[in-house]
Amino acid sequence: MNAQPNRAINATYCMRLLIIIFLGLLPVLAFSASSISNGFFSKTALSPGTIVSQGSSTEVVIPAHASSITTLLGVVTTNSEIAFTSDADKVQVVSGGIAETFVSDAKGDIKAGDKITVGELSGVGVRLSGSGKTVGTAQANFNRKSAGAKTQNVADVNGKTHRIAIGQIPVAVDVADYVAPSKKDTLVPAIVQLFFNHLMGRDVSGRAILVATVLLLAGVIVAGIILYGAVRGGMVSLGRNPLSQRGILRAFGQAALVGLGALMVCAGLAYVAVLVIN
């Protein structure tokens, strides 16, 4: 007698649970993909895209240079999604997220996925060829044929002139000490690494990507098993009793909600894994 009301209650409960999980994950996912900035003072005007280091105090920034690489802070911006300070007399510096950044080909052409550091040209990033301090990860290729690239002559410390190209590309800002892995240590393909870096707005370790991928696959498999079982069971029941179509559809809907819930839970766990695993 109470079978129909109980099924309706279960379906309503599952729907509410899924909505709560989805709404709970939305702020976290939105926050992770946003560029985050803080305000600093500067004694000179700094163009958006300039890489900066800490200046004479913790509240002052200067264009980053090889000599100030140990105090790298981030990239100047004018359009960060999240700004912790908004004083008109301060420049906004992105410390996490995607930011358009000045780069040059002084250390070679830049490819998406390359680590970006600073060199002899103040405020401009270059490709990091090994280990060292990095401001983030390039999200696009750059060479002298890239759109917006401009060439100019620059003299090195020995007075020798070099012609280099300068432009802007998006960089996933994440100031850190980077240790270049050997080829044997490469855990994931470069395109997968780049996708996760872009998704999270920072550099993501290979181990975190592997764990997240396994969790996502587990969610897909579990959801598939649940849906397959519901479809198979519904077909068998329909063959035995053609009049039970409405109940079968209701049961299939509940199974679909449960499968979606399992997938979302695994996706949430995968996100947490990316956050905590280094």
C-alpha atoms as a PDB file:
ATOM      1  CA  MET A   1       0.000   0.000   0.000  1.00  0.00           C
ATOM      2  CA  ASN A   2       2.837   2.420   0.836  1.00  0.00           C
ATOM      3  CA  ALA A   3       5.128   1.458  -2.041  1.00  0.00           C
ATOM      4  CA  GLN A   4       4.186   4.382  -4.286  1.00  0.00           C
ATOM      5  CA  PRO A   5       4.523   7.128  -1.588  1.00  0.00           C
ATOM      6  CA  ASN A   6       7.869   5.659  -0.454  1.00  0.00           C
ATOM      7  CA  ARG A   7       9.209   5.722  -4.008  1.00  0.00           C
ATOM      8  CA  ALA A   8       8.125   9.329  -4.389  1.00  0.00           C
ATOM      9  CA  ILE A   9       9.822  10.243  -1.095  1.00  0.00           C
ATOM     10  CA  ASN A  10      13.036   8.467  -2.150  1.00  0.00           C
ATOM     11  CA  ALA A  11      13.079  10.257  -5.520  1.00  0.00           C
ATOM     12  CA  THR A  12      12.518  13.634  -3.838  1.00  0.00           C
ATOM     13  CA  TYR A  13      15.259  12.919  -1.304  1.00  0.00           C
ATOM     14  CA  CYS A  14      17.739  11.911  -4.026  1.00  0.00           C
ATOM     15  CA  MET A  15      16.957  15.028  -6.036  1.00  0.00           C
ATOM     16  CA  ARG A  16      17.479  17.313  -3.034  1.00  0.00           C
ATOM     17  CA  LEU A  17      20.729  15.549  -2.155  1.00  0.00           C
ATOM     18  CA  LEU A  18      22.081  15.986  -5.686  1.00  0.00           C
ATOM     19  CA  ILE A  19      21.121  19.662  -5.741  1.00  0.00           C
ATOM     20  CA  ILE A  20      22.891  20.234  -2.414  1.00  0.00           C
ATOM     21  CA  ILE A  21      26.051  18.480  -3.659  1.00  0.00           C
ATOM     22  CA  PHE A  22      26.032  20.437  -6.921  1.00  0.00           C
ATOM     23  CA  LEU A  23      25.476  23.811  -5.247  1.00  0.00           C
ATOM     24  CA  GLY A  24      28.160  22.998  -2.703  1.00  0.00           C
ATOM     25  CA  LEU A  25      30.722  22.300  -5.425  1.00  0.00           C
ATOM     26  CA  LEU A  26      29.904  25.356  -7.536  1.00  0.00           C
ATOM     27  CA  PRO A  27      31.655  27.983  -5.345  1.00  0.00           C
ATOM     28  CA  VAL A  28      34.757  25.815  -5.006  1.00  0.00           C
ATOM     29  CA  LEU A  29      35.022  25.191  -8.738  1.00  0.00           C
ATOM     30  CA  ALA A  30      34.418  28.850  -9.545  1.00  0.00           C
ATOM     31  CA  PHE A  31      37.032  29.966  -7.023  1.00  0.00           C
ATOM     32  CA  SER A  32      39.655  27.582  -8.393  1.00  0.00           C
ATOM     33  CA  ALA A  33      39.264  28.840 -11.950  1.00  0.00           C
ATOM     34  CA  SER A  34      39.405  32.533 -10.973  1.00  0.00           C
ATOM     35  CA  SER A  35      42.433  34.794 -11.052  1.00  0.00           C
ATOM     36  CA  ILE A  36      43.213  36.072  -7.561  1.00  0.00           C
ATOM     37  CA  SER A  37      45.006  39.375  -6.999  1.00  0.00           C
ATOM     38  CA  ASN A  38      46.209  41.634  -4.222  1.00  0.00           C
ATOM     39  CA  GLY A  39      47.071  45.319  -4.208  1.00  0.00           C
ATOM     40  CA  PHE A  40      50.619  46.692  -3.937  1.00  0.00           C
ATOM     41  CA  PHE A  41      52.277  50.077  -4.238  1.00  0.00           C
ATOM     42  CA  SER A  42      54.674  50.825  -7.081  1.00  0.00           C
ATOM     43  CA  LYS A  43      57.059  53.764  -7.516  1.00  0.00           C
ATOM     44  CA  THR A  44      56.716  53.511 -11.303  1.00  0.00           C
ATOM     45  CA  ALA A  45      53.807  52.861 -13.649  1.00  0.00           C
ATOM     46  CA  LEU A  46      53.480  49.156 -14.426  1.00  0.00           C
ATOM     47  CA  SER A  47      51.679  47.883 -17.508  1.00  0.00           C
ATOM     48  CA  PRO A  48      49.276  44.930 -17.193  1.00  0.00           C
ATOM     49  CA  GLY A  49      51.235  41.758 -17.886  1.00  0.00           C
ATOM     50  CA  THR A  50      54.420  42.889 -16.128  1.00  0.00           C
ATOM     51  CA  ILE A  51      56.005  40.237 -13.907  1.00  0.00           C
ATOM     52  CA  VAL A  52      56.876  41.756 -10.522  1.00  0.00           C
ATOM     53  CA  SER A  53      58.929  41.001  -7.441  1.00  0.00           C
ATOM     54  CA  GLN A  54      58.807  42.400  -3.932  1.00  0.00           C
ATOM     55  CA  GLY A  55      60.471  45.807  -3.648  1.00  0.00           C
ATOM     56  CA  SER A  56      61.858  47.717  -0.702  1.00  0.00           C
ATOM     57  CA  SER A  57      59.031  46.496   1.545  1.00  0.00           C
ATOM     58  CA  THR A  58      56.294  43.865   1.545  1.00  0.00           C
ATOM     59  CA  GLU A  59      53.809  46.442   0.215  1.00  0.00           C
ATOM     60  CA  VAL A  60      55.918  47.581  -2.744  1.00  0.00           C
ATOM     61  CA  VAL A  61      56.538  45.800  -6.058  1.00  0.00           C
ATOM     62  CA  ILE A  62      59.119  46.311  -8.792  1.00  0.00           C
ATOM     63  CA  PRO A  63      59.508  44.807 -12.276  1.00  0.00           C
ATOM     64  CA  ALA A  64      61.006  41.338 -11.786  1.00  0.00           C
ATOM     65  CA  HIS A  65      64.576  40.737 -12.907  1.00  0.00           C
ATOM     66  CA  ALA A  66      67.037  37.872 -12.629  1.00  0.00           C
ATOM     67  CA  SER A  67      68.551  39.693  -9.645  1.00  0.00           C
ATOM     68  CA  SER A  68      65.199  39.786  -7.799  1.00  0.00           C
ATOM     69  CA  ILE A  69      63.949  36.351  -8.782  1.00  0.00           C
ATOM     70  CA  THR A  70      63.951  35.090  -5.182  1.00  0.00           C
ATOM     71  CA  THR A  71      61.121  37.511  -4.293  1.00  0.00           C
ATOM     72  CA  LEU A  72      58.829  36.860  -7.275  1.00  0.00           C
ATOM     73  CA  LEU A  73      55.207  37.766  -6.509  1.00  0.00           C
ATOM     74  CA  GLY A  74      53.155  37.454  -9.689  1.00  0.00           C
ATOM     75  CA  VAL A  75      51.817  39.372 -12.671  1.00  0.00           C
ATOM     76  CA  VAL A  76      50.238  42.840 -12.873  1.00  0.00           C
ATOM     77  CA  THR A  77      46.620  42.818 -14.053  1.00  0.00           C
ATOM     78  CA  THR A  78      43.589  45.055 -14.359  1.00  0.00           C
ATOM     79  CA  ASN A  79      40.845  42.436 -14.603  1.00  0.00           C
ATOM     80  CA  SER A  80      41.217  39.792 -11.893  1.00  0.00           C
ATOM     81  CA  GLU A  81      38.013  38.018 -10.860  1.00  0.00           C
ATOM     82  CA  ILE A  82      38.876  38.135  -7.153  1.00  0.00           C
ATOM     83  CA  ALA A  83      40.737  41.157  -5.688  1.00  0.00           C
ATOM     84  CA  PHE A  84      41.524  41.189  -1.960  1.00  0.00           C
ATOM     85  CA  THR A  85      42.237  44.929  -2.067  1.00  0.00           C
ATOM     86  CA  SER A  86      40.865  47.508  -4.486  1.00  0.00           C
ATOM     87  CA  ASP A  87      42.637  50.757  -3.584  1.00  0.00           C
ATOM     88  CA  ALA A  88      42.845  53.062  -6.594  1.00  0.00           C
ATOM     89  CA  ASP A  89      46.488  53.947  -5.847  1.00  0.00           C
ATOM     90  CA  LYS A  90      47.631  50.323  -5.852  1.00  0.00           C
ATOM     91  CA  VAL A  91      48.419  47.940  -8.706  1.00  0.00           C
ATOM     92  CA  GLN A  92      46.729  44.540  -8.724  1.00  0.00           C
ATOM     93  CA  VAL A  93      49.103  41.567  -8.817  1.00  0.00           C
ATOM     94  CA  VAL A  94      47.789  38.107  -9.714  1.00  0.00           C
ATOM     95  CA  SER A  95      49.152  35.435  -7.393  1.00  0.00           C
ATOM     96  CA  GLY A  96      47.003  32.574  -8.685  1.00  0.00           C
ATOM     97  CA  GLY A  97      44.958  31.972 -11.812  1.00  0.00           C
ATOM     98  CA  ILE A  98      45.319  32.834 -15.486  1.00  0.00           C
ATOM     99  CA  ALA A  99      46.878  36.192 -16.404  1.00  0.00           C
ATOM    100  CA  GLU A 100      48.079  37.743 -19.656  1.00  0.00           C
ATOM    101  CA  THR A 101      51.849  38.025 -19.191  1.00  0.00           C
ATOM    102  CA  PHE A 102      54.726  39.683 -21.032  1.00  0.00           C
ATOM    103  CA  VAL A 103      57.157  37.104 -22.421  1.00  0.00           C
ATOM    104  CA  SER A 104      60.045  37.058 -24.882  1.00  0.00           C
ATOM    105  CA  ASP A 105      61.920  34.494 -26.935  1.00  0.00           C
ATOM    106  CA  ALA A 106      65.259  35.499 -25.406  1.00  0.00           C
ATOM    107  CA  LYS A 107      65.680  31.943 -24.078  1.00  0.00           C
ATOM    108  CA  GLY A 108      63.998  30.274 -27.024  1.00  0.00           C
ATOM    109  CA  ASP A 109      60.478  29.900 -28.405  1.00  0.00           C
ATOM    110  CA  ILE A 110      57.834  29.206 -25.781  1.00  0.00           C
ATOM    111  CA  LYS A 111      55.431  26.281 -26.074  1.00  0.00           C
ATOM    112  CA  ALA A 112      52.226  25.723 -24.135  1.00  0.00           C
ATOM    113  CA  GLY A 113      53.153  23.873 -20.947  1.00  0.00           C
ATOM    114  CA  ASP A 114      56.627  25.453 -20.605  1.00  0.00           C
ATOM    115  CA  LYS A 115      57.575  26.957 -17.257  1.00  0.00           C
ATOM    116  CA  ILE A 116      58.060  30.732 -17.288  1.00  0.00           C
ATOM    117  CA  THR A 117      60.719  32.547 -15.288  1.00  0.00           C
ATOM    118  CA  VAL A 118      62.390  35.973 -15.566  1.00  0.00           C
ATOM    119  CA  GLY A 119      65.650  36.957 -17.210  1.00  0.00           C
ATOM    120  CA  GLU A 120      67.665  40.087 -17.901  1.00  0.00           C
ATOM    121  CA  LEU A 121      64.744  42.077 -19.308  1.00  0.00           C
ATOM    122  CA  SER A 122      62.822  43.524 -16.351  1.00  0.00           C
ATOM    123  CA  GLY A 123      59.193  42.458 -16.056  1.00  0.00           C
ATOM    124  CA  VAL A 124      59.307  40.076 -19.018  1.00  0.00           C
ATOM    125  CA  GLY A 125      59.180  36.291 -18.755  1.00  0.00           C
ATOM    126  CA  VAL A 126      61.278  33.746 -20.605  1.00  0.00           C
ATOM    127  CA  ARG A 127      61.193  29.991 -21.019  1.00  0.00           C
ATOM    128  CA  LEU A 128      62.726  28.040 -18.126  1.00  0.00           C
ATOM    129  CA  SER A 129      64.922  25.354 -19.648  1.00  0.00           C
ATOM    130  CA  GLY A 130      65.661  23.448 -16.436  1.00  0.00           C
ATOM    131  CA  SER A 131      64.976  23.802 -12.729  1.00  0.00           C
ATOM    132  CA  GLY A 132      64.539  27.135 -10.985  1.00  0.00           C
ATOM    133  CA  LYS A 133      62.113  29.759  -9.761  1.00  0.00           C
ATOM    134  CA  THR A 134      59.034  29.994 -11.946  1.00  0.00           C
ATOM    135  CA  VAL A 135      56.170  32.455 -12.125  1.00  0.00           C
ATOM    136  CA  GLY A 136      53.847  29.915 -13.734  1.00  0.00           C
ATOM    137  CA  THR A 137      53.063  27.785 -16.768  1.00  0.00           C
ATOM    138  CA  ALA A 138      52.559  29.028 -20.333  1.00  0.00           C
ATOM    139  CA  GLN A 139      49.082  28.349 -21.687  1.00  0.00           C
ATOM    140  CA  ALA A 140      49.918  29.177 -25.313  1.00  0.00           C
ATOM    141  CA  ASN A 141      52.817  29.115 -27.757  1.00  0.00           C
ATOM    142  CA  PHE A 142      54.948  32.204 -28.385  1.00  0.00           C
ATOM    143  CA  ASN A 143      57.536  33.079 -31.025  1.00  0.00           C
ATOM    144  CA  ARG A 144      58.323  36.078 -33.190  1.00  0.00           C
ATOM    145  CA  LYS A 145      55.523  35.095 -35.585  1.00  0.00           C
ATOM    146  CA  SER A 146      52.874  35.095 -32.853  1.00  0.00           C
ATOM    147  CA  ALA A 147      50.054  37.633 -33.022  1.00  0.00           C
ATOM    148  CA  GLY A 148      51.047  40.862 -31.301  1.00  0.00           C
ATOM    149  CA  ALA A 149      54.751  39.968 -31.091  1.00  0.00           C
ATOM    150  CA  LYS A 150      57.113  42.906 -31.513  1.00  0.00           C
ATOM    151  CA  THR A 151      60.845  42.667 -32.079  1.00  0.00           C
ATOM    152  CA  GLN A 152      63.447  44.931 -30.549  1.00  0.00           C
ATOM    153  CA  ASN A 153      67.184  45.058 -29.961  1.00  0.00           C
ATOM    154  CA  VAL A 154      68.401  44.314 -26.438  1.00  0.00           C
ATOM    155  CA  ALA A 155      71.966  44.468 -25.155  1.00  0.00           C
ATOM    156  CA  ASP A 156      73.201  41.752 -22.789  1.00  0.00           C
ATOM    157  CA  VAL A 157      75.575  42.245 -19.826  1.00  0.00           C
ATOM    158  CA  ASN A 158      78.548  42.028 -22.190  1.00  0.00           C
ATOM    159  CA  GLY A 159      77.210  44.786 -24.417  1.00  0.00           C
ATOM    160  CA  LYS A 160      76.296  42.432 -27.253  1.00  0.00           C
ATOM    161  CA  THR A 161      73.036  43.270 -29.029  1.00  0.00           C
ATOM    162  CA  HIS A 162      70.357  40.650 -29.562  1.00  0.00           C
ATOM    163  CA  ARG A 163      67.099  40.979 -31.478  1.00  0.00           C
ATOM    164  CA  ILE A 164      64.235  39.402 -29.562  1.00  0.00           C
ATOM    165  CA  ALA A 165      60.459  39.225 -29.811  1.00  0.00           C
ATOM    166  CA  ILE A 166      58.217  40.422 -26.985  1.00  0.00           C
ATOM    167  CA  GLY A 167      54.481  39.858 -26.579  1.00  0.00           C
ATOM    168  CA  GLN A 168      51.820  38.552 -24.225  1.00  0.00           C
ATOM    169  CA  ILE A 169      50.400  35.079 -23.632  1.00  0.00           C
ATOM    170  CA  PRO A 170      48.153  33.647 -20.915  1.00  0.00           C
ATOM    171  CA  VAL A 171      50.112  32.129 -18.033  1.00  0.00           C
ATOM    172  CA  ALA A 172      48.781  30.004 -15.168  1.00  0.00           C
ATOM    173  CA  VAL A 173      50.397  31.986 -12.361  1.00  0.00           C
ATOM    174  CA  ASP A 174      51.826  29.852  -9.556  1.00  0.00           C
ATOM    175  CA  VAL A 175      55.098  31.189  -8.128  1.00  0.00           C
ATOM    176  CA  ALA A 176      57.173  28.206  -6.984  1.00  0.00           C
ATOM    177  CA  ASP A 177      60.556  26.529  -7.031  1.00  0.00           C
ATOM    178  CA  TYR A 178      60.347  24.143  -9.955  1.00  0.00           C
ATOM    179  CA  VAL A 179      62.375  20.950 -10.275  1.00  0.00           C
ATOM    180  CA  ALA A 180      62.463  19.709 -13.855  1.00  0.00           C
ATOM    181  CA  PRO A 181      61.502  16.012 -14.033  1.00  0.00           C
ATOM    182  CA  SER A 182      63.526  13.536 -16.009  1.00  0.00           C
ATOM    183  CA  LYS A 183      61.870  11.792 -18.956  1.00  0.00           C
ATOM    184  CA  LYS A 184      61.422   8.698 -16.808  1.00  0.00           C
ATOM    185  CA  ASP A 185      59.457  10.751 -14.261  1.00  0.00           C
ATOM    186  CA  THR A 186      56.864  11.976 -16.768  1.00  0.00           C
ATOM    187  CA  LEU A 187      53.551  10.598 -15.491  1.00  0.00           C
ATOM    188  CA  VAL A 188      51.016  12.125 -17.873  1.00  0.00           C
ATOM    189  CA  PRO A 189      51.013  13.412 -21.463  1.00  0.00           C
ATOM    190  CA  ALA A 190      51.805  17.099 -21.879  1.00  0.00           C
ATOM    191  CA  ILE A 191      48.333  17.887 -23.274  1.00  0.00           C
ATOM    192  CA  VAL A 192      46.659  16.342 -20.194  1.00  0.00           C
ATOM    193  CA  GLN A 193      49.028  18.263 -17.914  1.00  0.00           C
ATOM    194  CA  LEU A 194      48.188  21.485 -19.735  1.00  0.00           C
ATOM    195  CA  PHE A 195      44.440  20.836 -19.479  1.00  0.00           C
ATOM    196  CA  PHE A 196      44.576  20.338 -15.706  1.00  0.00           C
ATOM    197  CA  ASN A 197      46.875  23.343 -15.274  1.00  0.00           C
ATOM    198  CA  HIS A 198      44.458  25.527 -17.210  1.00  0.00           C
ATOM    199  CA  LEU A 199      41.439  24.124 -15.372  1.00  0.00           C
ATOM    200  CA  MET A 200      42.938  24.765 -11.937  1.00  0.00           C
ATOM    201  CA  GLY A 201      44.792  27.957 -12.834  1.00  0.00           C
ATOM    202  CA  ARG A 202      48.070  26.613 -11.446  1.00  0.00           C
ATOM    203  CA  ASP A 203      50.596  23.840 -11.879  1.00  0.00           C
ATOM    204  CA  VAL A 204      49.141  20.412 -10.992  1.00  0.00           C
ATOM    205  CA  SER A 205      51.386  17.479 -10.140  1.00  0.00           C
ATOM    206  CA  GLY A 206      51.350  14.320 -12.235  1.00  0.00           C
ATOM    207  CA  ARG A 207      50.380  12.199  -9.225  1.00  0.00           C
ATOM    208  CA  ALA A 208      47.357  14.400  -8.533  1.00  0.00           C
ATOM    209  CA  ILE A 209      46.256  14.104 -12.170  1.00  0.00           C
ATOM    210  CA  LEU A 210      46.547  10.303 -12.070  1.00  0.00           C
ATOM    211  CA  VAL A 211      44.538  10.036  -8.841  1.00  0.00           C
ATOM    212  CA  ALA A 212      41.885  12.441 -10.165  1.00  0.00           C
ATOM    213  CA  THR A 213      41.638  10.509 -13.424  1.00  0.00           C
ATOM    214  CA  VAL A 214      41.197   7.194 -11.585  1.00  0.00           C
ATOM    215  CA  LEU A 215      38.452   8.704  -9.407  1.00  0.00           C
ATOM    216  CA  LEU A 216      36.647  10.148 -12.419  1.00  0.00           C
ATOM    217  CA  LEU A 217      36.835   6.821 -14.245  1.00  0.00           C
ATOM    218  CA  ALA A 218      35.531   5.069 -11.135  1.00  0.00           C
ATOM    219  CA  GLY A 219      32.583   7.468 -11.067  1.00  0.00           C
ATOM    220  CA  VAL A 220      31.822   6.837 -14.724  1.00  0.00           C
ATOM    221  CA  ILE A 221      32.039   3.059 -14.242  1.00  0.00           C
ATOM    222  CA  VAL A 222      29.808   3.074 -11.158  1.00  0.00           C
ATOM    223  CA  ALA A 223      27.233   5.294 -12.863  1.00  0.00           C
ATOM    224  CA  GLY A 224      27.326   3.056 -15.943  1.00  0.00           C
ATOM    225  CA  ILE A 225      26.796  -0.101 -13.876  1.00  0.00           C
ATOM    226  CA  ILE A 226      23.847   1.466 -12.068  1.00  0.00           C
ATOM    227  CA  LEU A 227      22.226   2.626 -15.304  1.00  0.00           C
ATOM    228  CA  TYR A 228      22.880  -0.700 -17.031  1.00  0.00           C
ATOM    229  CA  GLY A 229      21.321  -2.579 -14.139  1.00  0.00           C
ATOM    230  CA  ALA A 230      18.285  -0.287 -14.171  1.00  0.00           C
ATOM    231  CA  VAL A 231      17.783  -0.640 -17.928  1.00  0.00           C
ATOM    232  CA  ARG A 232      18.241  -4.411 -17.877  1.00  0.00           C
ATOM    233  CA  GLY A 233      15.952  -4.852 -14.902  1.00  0.00           C
ATOM    234  CA  GLY A 234      13.342  -2.573 -16.459  1.00  0.00           C
ATOM    235  CA  MET A 235      13.342  -4.522 -19.701  1.00  0.00           C
ATOM    236  CA  VAL A 236      12.922  -7.814 -17.861  1.00  0.00           C
ATOM    237  CA  SER A 237      10.093  -6.404 -15.741  1.00  0.00           C
ATOM    238  CA  LEU A 238       8.397  -4.896 -18.770  1.00  0.00           C
ATOM    239  CA  GLY A 239       8.519  -8.232 -20.550  1.00  0.00           C
ATOM    240  CA  ARG A 240       6.878  -9.952 -17.598  1.00  0.00           C
ATOM    241  CA  ASN A 241       4.301  -7.245 -16.940  1.00  0.00           C
ATOM    242  CA  PRO A 242       3.663  -4.685 -19.720  1.00  0.00           C
ATOM    243  CA  LEU A 243       1.349  -2.732 -17.406  1.00  0.00           C
ATOM    244  CA  SER A 244       4.232  -1.819 -15.069  1.00  0.00           C
ATOM    245  CA  GLN A 245       5.683   0.748 -17.453  1.00  0.00           C
ATOM    246  CA  ARG A 246       5.078   3.736 -15.151  1.00  0.00           C
ATOM    247  CA  GLY A 247       6.757   2.074 -12.189  1.00  0.00           C
ATOM    248  CA  ILE A 248       9.692   0.990 -14.347  1.00  0.00           C
ATOM    249  CA  LEU A 249      10.237   4.534 -15.614  1.00  0.00           C
ATOM    250  CA  ARG A 250      10.107   5.867 -12.067  1.00  0.00           C
ATOM    251  CA  ALA A 251      12.656   3.295 -10.922  1.00  0.00           C
ATOM    252  CA  PHE A 252      14.892   4.142 -13.880  1.00  0.00           C
ATOM    253  CA  GLY A 253      14.713   7.842 -12.965  1.00  0.00           C
ATOM    254  CA  GLN A 254      15.766   7.068  -9.403  1.00  0.00           C
ATOM    255  CA  ALA A 255      18.631   4.919 -10.658  1.00  0.00           C
ATOM    256  CA  ALA A 256      19.744   7.733 -12.968  1.00  0.00           C
ATOM    257  CA  LEU A 257      19.781  10.157 -10.035  1.00  0.00           C
ATOM    258  CA  VAL A 258      21.794   7.748  -7.915  1.00  0.00           C
ATOM    259  CA  GLY A 259      24.255   7.207 -10.773  1.00  0.00           C
ATOM    260  CA  LEU A 260      24.615  10.957 -11.294  1.00  0.00           C
ATOM    261  CA  GLY A 261      25.136  11.389  -7.564  1.00  0.00           C
ATOM    262  CA  ALA A 262      27.910   8.792  -7.559  1.00  0.00           C
ATOM    263  CA  LEU A 263      29.556  10.532 -10.520  1.00  0.00           C
ATOM    264  CA  MET A 264      29.386  13.925  -8.799  1.00  0.00           C
ATOM    265  CA  VAL A 265      30.816  12.509  -5.574  1.00  0.00           C
ATOM    266  CA  CYS A 266      33.753  11.023  -7.479  1.00  0.00           C
ATOM    267  CA  ALA A 267      34.238  14.322  -9.317  1.00  0.00           C
ATOM    268  CA  GLY A 268      34.318  16.116  -5.959  1.00  0.00           C
ATOM    269  CA  LEU A 269      36.870  13.661  -4.610  1.00  0.00           C
ATOM    270  CA  ALA A 270      38.951  14.117  -7.775  1.00  0.00           C
ATOM    271  CA  TYR A 271      38.903  17.889  -7.240  1.00  0.00           C
ATOM    272  CA  VAL A 272      40.003  17.483  -3.624  1.00  0.00           C
ATOM    273  CA  ALA A 273      42.799  15.169  -4.748  1.00  0.00           C
ATOM    274  CA  VAL A 274      44.073  17.803  -7.178  1.00  0.00           C
ATOM    275  CA  LEU A 275      44.049  20.351  -4.359  1.00  0.00           C
ATOM    276  CA  VAL A 276      45.887  18.340  -1.697  1.00  0.00           C
ATOM    277  CA  ILE A 277      48.292  16.075  -3.591  1.00  0.00           C
ATOM    278  CA  ASN A 278      51.641  17.611  -4.536  1.00  0.00           C
END
